[in-house]
N, C-alpha and C. Protein backbone atom coordinates (compact mmCIF):
# COMPACT_ATOMS: atom_id res chain seq x y z
N MET A 1 0.84 -1.18 0.00
CA MET A 1 0.00 0.00 0.00
C MET A 1 0.88 1.24 0.00
N PRO A 2 0.42 2.30 -0.63
CA PRO A 2 1.24 3.52 -0.65
C PRO A 2 1.38 4.14 0.74
N ALA A 3 2.45 4.88 0.92
CA ALA A 3 2.67 5.56 2.19
C ALA A 3 1.52 6.51 2.48
N ARG A 4 1.20 6.62 3.77
CA ARG A 4 0.13 7.51 4.23
C ARG A 4 0.78 8.72 4.91
N ILE A 5 0.45 9.91 4.43
CA ILE A 5 1.10 11.14 4.89
C ILE A 5 0.04 12.13 5.38
N VAL A 6 0.24 12.65 6.57
CA VAL A 6 -0.59 13.73 7.10
C VAL A 6 0.11 15.04 6.77
N VAL A 7 -0.60 15.95 6.12
CA VAL A 7 -0.08 17.29 5.83
C VAL A 7 -0.87 18.26 6.70
N ALA A 8 -0.16 19.14 7.40
CA ALA A 8 -0.82 20.00 8.38
C ALA A 8 -0.25 21.41 8.39
N LYS A 9 -1.06 22.34 8.87
CA LYS A 9 -0.68 23.74 9.06
C LYS A 9 -0.83 24.07 10.54
N PRO A 10 0.27 24.02 11.29
CA PRO A 10 0.17 24.32 12.72
C PRO A 10 0.15 25.82 12.99
N GLY A 11 -0.38 26.17 14.14
CA GLY A 11 -0.32 27.54 14.61
C GLY A 11 -1.36 28.45 13.99
N LEU A 12 -1.11 29.74 14.10
CA LEU A 12 -2.08 30.74 13.71
C LEU A 12 -1.96 31.20 12.27
N ASP A 13 -0.92 30.74 11.59
CA ASP A 13 -0.70 31.13 10.20
C ASP A 13 -1.87 30.65 9.34
N GLY A 14 -2.46 31.56 8.59
CA GLY A 14 -3.62 31.23 7.77
C GLY A 14 -3.32 31.02 6.31
N HIS A 15 -2.07 30.95 5.94
CA HIS A 15 -1.69 30.80 4.53
C HIS A 15 -1.42 29.33 4.24
N ASP A 16 -2.37 28.67 3.59
CA ASP A 16 -2.24 27.23 3.39
C ASP A 16 -2.10 26.82 1.93
N ARG A 17 -1.90 27.76 1.04
CA ARG A 17 -1.80 27.42 -0.37
C ARG A 17 -0.66 26.42 -0.62
N GLY A 18 0.52 26.70 -0.05
CA GLY A 18 1.67 25.82 -0.27
C GLY A 18 1.41 24.42 0.26
N ALA A 19 0.81 24.32 1.45
CA ALA A 19 0.52 23.00 2.01
C ALA A 19 -0.46 22.24 1.13
N LYS A 20 -1.45 22.94 0.61
CA LYS A 20 -2.42 22.29 -0.27
C LYS A 20 -1.78 21.84 -1.58
N VAL A 21 -0.88 22.66 -2.11
CA VAL A 21 -0.19 22.31 -3.36
C VAL A 21 0.70 21.07 -3.15
N VAL A 22 1.42 21.03 -2.04
CA VAL A 22 2.27 19.88 -1.74
C VAL A 22 1.40 18.64 -1.51
N ALA A 23 0.30 18.80 -0.76
CA ALA A 23 -0.60 17.66 -0.53
C ALA A 23 -1.12 17.10 -1.84
N ARG A 24 -1.50 17.98 -2.74
CA ARG A 24 -2.02 17.53 -4.04
C ARG A 24 -0.94 16.84 -4.87
N ALA A 25 0.28 17.38 -4.86
CA ALA A 25 1.38 16.76 -5.60
C ALA A 25 1.68 15.36 -5.07
N LEU A 26 1.67 15.22 -3.75
CA LEU A 26 1.91 13.91 -3.16
C LEU A 26 0.79 12.94 -3.50
N ARG A 27 -0.44 13.42 -3.45
CA ARG A 27 -1.60 12.58 -3.81
C ARG A 27 -1.50 12.16 -5.28
N ASP A 28 -1.17 13.12 -6.15
CA ASP A 28 -1.05 12.82 -7.58
C ASP A 28 0.07 11.81 -7.85
N ALA A 29 1.08 11.77 -6.96
CA ALA A 29 2.19 10.84 -7.12
C ALA A 29 1.86 9.45 -6.57
N GLY A 30 0.66 9.30 -6.00
CA GLY A 30 0.22 7.99 -5.54
C GLY A 30 0.26 7.76 -4.05
N PHE A 31 0.64 8.77 -3.28
CA PHE A 31 0.63 8.63 -1.82
C PHE A 31 -0.79 8.85 -1.30
N GLU A 32 -1.11 8.24 -0.17
CA GLU A 32 -2.35 8.55 0.53
C GLU A 32 -2.07 9.79 1.37
N VAL A 33 -2.90 10.83 1.21
CA VAL A 33 -2.65 12.08 1.90
C VAL A 33 -3.90 12.50 2.67
N VAL A 34 -3.69 12.90 3.92
CA VAL A 34 -4.74 13.46 4.75
C VAL A 34 -4.32 14.88 5.08
N TYR A 35 -5.12 15.87 4.66
CA TYR A 35 -4.82 17.27 4.98
C TYR A 35 -5.68 17.68 6.17
N THR A 36 -5.05 18.13 7.23
CA THR A 36 -5.79 18.44 8.46
C THR A 36 -6.42 19.82 8.48
N GLY A 37 -6.00 20.70 7.59
CA GLY A 37 -6.55 22.05 7.59
C GLY A 37 -5.73 23.02 8.42
N LEU A 38 -6.25 24.23 8.52
CA LEU A 38 -5.56 25.33 9.19
C LEU A 38 -5.67 25.26 10.72
N HIS A 39 -4.74 25.97 11.35
CA HIS A 39 -4.78 26.27 12.78
C HIS A 39 -4.77 25.04 13.68
N GLN A 40 -3.98 24.05 13.31
CA GLN A 40 -3.87 22.84 14.11
C GLN A 40 -2.80 23.01 15.18
N THR A 41 -3.05 22.46 16.35
CA THR A 41 -2.02 22.44 17.38
C THR A 41 -1.11 21.24 17.13
N PRO A 42 0.11 21.28 17.65
CA PRO A 42 0.96 20.09 17.53
C PRO A 42 0.29 18.83 18.08
N ALA A 43 -0.45 18.97 19.17
CA ALA A 43 -1.16 17.82 19.74
C ALA A 43 -2.21 17.28 18.77
N GLN A 44 -2.94 18.17 18.12
CA GLN A 44 -3.95 17.73 17.15
C GLN A 44 -3.29 17.03 15.96
N ILE A 45 -2.16 17.55 15.51
CA ILE A 45 -1.46 16.95 14.38
C ILE A 45 -0.95 15.57 14.75
N ALA A 46 -0.33 15.45 15.92
CA ALA A 46 0.18 14.15 16.37
C ALA A 46 -0.97 13.16 16.52
N GLU A 47 -2.07 13.59 17.09
CA GLU A 47 -3.21 12.70 17.27
C GLU A 47 -3.79 12.26 15.92
N ALA A 48 -3.89 13.19 14.98
CA ALA A 48 -4.38 12.84 13.64
C ALA A 48 -3.46 11.81 12.99
N ALA A 49 -2.16 11.99 13.14
CA ALA A 49 -1.21 11.05 12.54
C ALA A 49 -1.35 9.66 13.15
N VAL A 50 -1.56 9.60 14.46
CA VAL A 50 -1.75 8.31 15.12
C VAL A 50 -3.06 7.69 14.66
N GLN A 51 -4.13 8.48 14.67
CA GLN A 51 -5.44 7.96 14.27
C GLN A 51 -5.47 7.50 12.82
N GLU A 52 -4.73 8.19 11.96
CA GLU A 52 -4.69 7.84 10.53
C GLU A 52 -3.64 6.79 10.22
N ASP A 53 -2.91 6.34 11.24
CA ASP A 53 -1.84 5.36 11.06
C ASP A 53 -0.85 5.85 10.00
N ALA A 54 -0.44 7.11 10.16
CA ALA A 54 0.43 7.76 9.18
C ALA A 54 1.85 7.24 9.23
N ASP A 55 2.48 7.26 8.07
CA ASP A 55 3.89 6.92 7.96
C ASP A 55 4.76 8.17 8.08
N ALA A 56 4.17 9.32 7.76
CA ALA A 56 4.92 10.58 7.80
C ALA A 56 3.97 11.74 8.05
N ILE A 57 4.55 12.83 8.54
CA ILE A 57 3.84 14.09 8.72
C ILE A 57 4.64 15.16 8.01
N GLY A 58 3.96 15.96 7.19
CA GLY A 58 4.58 17.12 6.57
C GLY A 58 3.87 18.36 7.07
N ILE A 59 4.61 19.28 7.65
CA ILE A 59 3.97 20.52 8.12
C ILE A 59 4.59 21.73 7.43
N SER A 60 3.75 22.73 7.27
CA SER A 60 4.14 23.98 6.64
C SER A 60 4.03 25.10 7.66
N VAL A 61 5.12 25.83 7.86
CA VAL A 61 5.15 26.91 8.84
C VAL A 61 5.67 28.18 8.17
N LEU A 62 4.86 29.20 8.15
CA LEU A 62 5.25 30.49 7.59
C LEU A 62 5.28 31.59 8.64
N SER A 63 4.89 31.28 9.86
CA SER A 63 4.66 32.29 10.89
C SER A 63 5.90 32.72 11.65
N GLY A 64 7.00 31.98 11.51
CA GLY A 64 8.19 32.29 12.30
C GLY A 64 8.24 31.50 13.60
N ALA A 65 7.21 30.72 13.89
CA ALA A 65 7.16 29.94 15.12
C ALA A 65 7.62 28.51 14.91
N HIS A 66 8.40 28.27 13.87
CA HIS A 66 8.77 26.91 13.49
C HIS A 66 9.52 26.16 14.59
N LEU A 67 10.43 26.82 15.30
CA LEU A 67 11.20 26.12 16.33
C LEU A 67 10.29 25.57 17.43
N VAL A 68 9.38 26.37 17.89
CA VAL A 68 8.44 25.95 18.95
C VAL A 68 7.49 24.89 18.42
N LEU A 69 6.92 25.12 17.24
CA LEU A 69 5.91 24.19 16.71
C LEU A 69 6.50 22.82 16.40
N PHE A 70 7.66 22.77 15.79
CA PHE A 70 8.29 21.48 15.51
C PHE A 70 8.68 20.78 16.81
N GLU A 71 9.23 21.52 17.76
CA GLU A 71 9.62 20.91 19.03
C GLU A 71 8.40 20.32 19.74
N GLU A 72 7.30 21.06 19.76
CA GLU A 72 6.08 20.56 20.40
C GLU A 72 5.53 19.34 19.66
N LEU A 73 5.57 19.36 18.33
CA LEU A 73 5.09 18.22 17.57
C LEU A 73 5.92 16.98 17.88
N MET A 74 7.23 17.11 17.90
CA MET A 74 8.08 15.96 18.18
C MET A 74 7.82 15.43 19.59
N GLN A 75 7.58 16.31 20.55
CA GLN A 75 7.27 15.88 21.92
C GLN A 75 5.91 15.17 21.96
N GLU A 76 4.93 15.70 21.25
CA GLU A 76 3.61 15.06 21.21
C GLU A 76 3.69 13.67 20.59
N LEU A 77 4.53 13.50 19.58
CA LEU A 77 4.70 12.17 19.00
C LEU A 77 5.35 11.22 20.00
N ARG A 78 6.35 11.70 20.73
CA ARG A 78 6.98 10.86 21.76
C ARG A 78 5.96 10.49 22.84
N ASN A 79 5.13 11.45 23.23
CA ASN A 79 4.12 11.19 24.26
C ASN A 79 3.16 10.08 23.85
N ARG A 80 2.97 9.91 22.55
CA ARG A 80 2.04 8.90 22.02
C ARG A 80 2.78 7.64 21.54
N GLN A 81 4.07 7.52 21.89
CA GLN A 81 4.90 6.42 21.42
C GLN A 81 4.81 6.30 19.89
N ALA A 82 4.79 7.44 19.22
CA ALA A 82 4.65 7.48 17.76
C ALA A 82 5.82 8.22 17.12
N ASP A 83 6.96 8.22 17.80
CA ASP A 83 8.10 8.96 17.26
C ASP A 83 8.78 8.22 16.11
N ASP A 84 8.19 7.09 15.67
CA ASP A 84 8.67 6.43 14.47
C ASP A 84 8.05 7.04 13.21
N ILE A 85 7.09 7.95 13.39
CA ILE A 85 6.48 8.65 12.25
C ILE A 85 7.48 9.70 11.78
N LEU A 86 7.87 9.62 10.54
CA LEU A 86 8.84 10.55 9.96
C LEU A 86 8.20 11.94 9.85
N VAL A 87 8.94 12.97 10.21
CA VAL A 87 8.44 14.35 10.14
C VAL A 87 9.32 15.15 9.19
N PHE A 88 8.67 15.85 8.26
CA PHE A 88 9.37 16.78 7.38
C PHE A 88 8.55 18.05 7.32
N GLY A 89 9.16 19.11 6.84
CA GLY A 89 8.44 20.37 6.83
C GLY A 89 8.97 21.34 5.80
N GLY A 90 8.29 22.44 5.74
CA GLY A 90 8.69 23.48 4.82
C GLY A 90 8.08 24.80 5.23
N GLY A 91 8.43 25.81 4.46
CA GLY A 91 7.93 27.15 4.74
C GLY A 91 9.06 28.14 4.82
N ILE A 92 8.81 29.21 5.53
CA ILE A 92 9.80 30.27 5.70
C ILE A 92 10.62 29.92 6.94
N ILE A 93 11.66 29.16 6.73
CA ILE A 93 12.50 28.70 7.83
C ILE A 93 13.94 29.08 7.51
N PRO A 94 14.55 29.93 8.34
CA PRO A 94 15.93 30.35 8.06
C PRO A 94 16.89 29.16 8.03
N ASP A 95 17.85 29.23 7.13
CA ASP A 95 18.86 28.17 7.03
C ASP A 95 19.54 27.91 8.37
N ALA A 96 19.74 28.96 9.16
CA ALA A 96 20.42 28.83 10.45
C ALA A 96 19.63 27.96 11.43
N ASP A 97 18.33 27.78 11.21
CA ASP A 97 17.50 26.99 12.13
C ASP A 97 17.36 25.53 11.71
N ILE A 98 17.78 25.20 10.51
CA ILE A 98 17.55 23.85 10.00
C ILE A 98 18.30 22.80 10.81
N ALA A 99 19.54 23.06 11.17
CA ALA A 99 20.31 22.07 11.95
C ALA A 99 19.63 21.81 13.29
N GLY A 100 19.10 22.84 13.91
CA GLY A 100 18.40 22.66 15.19
C GLY A 100 17.14 21.82 15.03
N LEU A 101 16.43 22.03 13.93
CA LEU A 101 15.22 21.24 13.67
C LEU A 101 15.58 19.78 13.44
N LYS A 102 16.65 19.55 12.70
CA LYS A 102 17.07 18.17 12.44
C LYS A 102 17.53 17.50 13.74
N ALA A 103 18.14 18.28 14.64
CA ALA A 103 18.54 17.73 15.94
C ALA A 103 17.33 17.30 16.76
N LEU A 104 16.19 17.94 16.53
CA LEU A 104 14.95 17.56 17.20
C LEU A 104 14.37 16.27 16.64
N GLY A 105 14.81 15.89 15.44
CA GLY A 105 14.28 14.69 14.81
C GLY A 105 13.53 14.96 13.52
N VAL A 106 13.47 16.22 13.09
CA VAL A 106 12.84 16.54 11.82
C VAL A 106 13.76 16.02 10.72
N THR A 107 13.22 15.25 9.81
CA THR A 107 14.05 14.56 8.83
C THR A 107 14.52 15.47 7.70
N GLU A 108 13.64 16.36 7.23
CA GLU A 108 14.03 17.25 6.13
C GLU A 108 13.21 18.53 6.22
N VAL A 109 13.81 19.61 5.72
CA VAL A 109 13.15 20.91 5.67
C VAL A 109 13.31 21.46 4.26
N PHE A 110 12.18 21.83 3.65
CA PHE A 110 12.17 22.37 2.30
C PHE A 110 11.86 23.86 2.36
N GLY A 111 12.68 24.64 1.71
CA GLY A 111 12.50 26.09 1.71
C GLY A 111 11.53 26.56 0.65
N PRO A 112 11.24 27.85 0.67
CA PRO A 112 10.33 28.43 -0.32
C PRO A 112 10.88 28.19 -1.74
N GLY A 113 9.99 27.86 -2.63
CA GLY A 113 10.38 27.67 -4.02
C GLY A 113 10.95 26.30 -4.35
N THR A 114 10.97 25.39 -3.38
CA THR A 114 11.44 24.04 -3.68
C THR A 114 10.52 23.43 -4.74
N PRO A 115 11.07 22.95 -5.83
CA PRO A 115 10.22 22.35 -6.86
C PRO A 115 9.46 21.13 -6.32
N LEU A 116 8.20 21.01 -6.70
CA LEU A 116 7.39 19.90 -6.23
C LEU A 116 8.01 18.53 -6.54
N PRO A 117 8.60 18.33 -7.72
CA PRO A 117 9.22 17.02 -7.97
C PRO A 117 10.32 16.67 -6.97
N VAL A 118 11.02 17.67 -6.45
CA VAL A 118 12.07 17.41 -5.45
C VAL A 118 11.43 16.87 -4.17
N ILE A 119 10.33 17.48 -3.74
CA ILE A 119 9.64 17.03 -2.52
C ILE A 119 9.07 15.63 -2.73
N VAL A 120 8.40 15.43 -3.85
CA VAL A 120 7.79 14.13 -4.13
C VAL A 120 8.86 13.03 -4.20
N GLU A 121 9.98 13.32 -4.87
CA GLU A 121 11.06 12.34 -4.98
C GLU A 121 11.65 12.03 -3.61
N TRP A 122 11.84 13.07 -2.78
CA TRP A 122 12.38 12.86 -1.44
C TRP A 122 11.44 11.98 -0.61
N VAL A 123 10.16 12.28 -0.65
CA VAL A 123 9.19 11.48 0.11
C VAL A 123 9.23 10.04 -0.37
N GLY A 124 9.24 9.85 -1.68
CA GLY A 124 9.30 8.49 -2.23
C GLY A 124 10.52 7.72 -1.79
N ALA A 125 11.64 8.42 -1.63
CA ALA A 125 12.89 7.77 -1.24
C ALA A 125 13.02 7.53 0.25
N HIS A 126 12.31 8.32 1.08
CA HIS A 126 12.51 8.26 2.53
C HIS A 126 11.33 7.74 3.34
N VAL A 127 10.15 7.73 2.76
CA VAL A 127 8.98 7.26 3.51
C VAL A 127 8.61 5.88 2.98
N PRO A 128 8.69 4.88 3.84
CA PRO A 128 8.38 3.52 3.37
C PRO A 128 6.91 3.37 3.02
N ASP A 129 6.62 2.42 2.14
CA ASP A 129 5.23 2.11 1.82
C ASP A 129 4.51 1.73 3.11
N HIS A 130 3.24 2.04 3.16
CA HIS A 130 2.43 1.76 4.34
C HIS A 130 2.38 0.26 4.60
N GLY A 131 2.71 -0.12 5.80
CA GLY A 131 2.69 -1.52 6.15
C GLY A 131 3.95 -2.28 5.74
N ALA A 132 4.91 -1.55 5.16
CA ALA A 132 6.15 -2.23 4.70
C ALA A 132 7.03 -2.58 5.88
């Protein structure tokens, strides 16, 4: 079965066009995608991923709160014994913060303007098929 990916927009940022475009590209590439919508808390995202039996979570952060939101998401996954779910993200994230996010357990960070085929190819290479 294809990998199951939860795509989410945490925090108060209301700009979800990029998340929707990435979700659609992943769906078009054959992945199962669940989009949670705007204004999700890290706890809601982690719970959705557990409930959906997700293989990965992709979050988009444009608000500048990426360090806090990713850290909280990773903690929420640990709290649910679900830290085997791969986490990747994108948005307006300074290069200087990427190493810190990866130290938290975030697998990859895509910056603004990353071509969709790059994201799709990366997901295909790093997220195992569901149930594999």
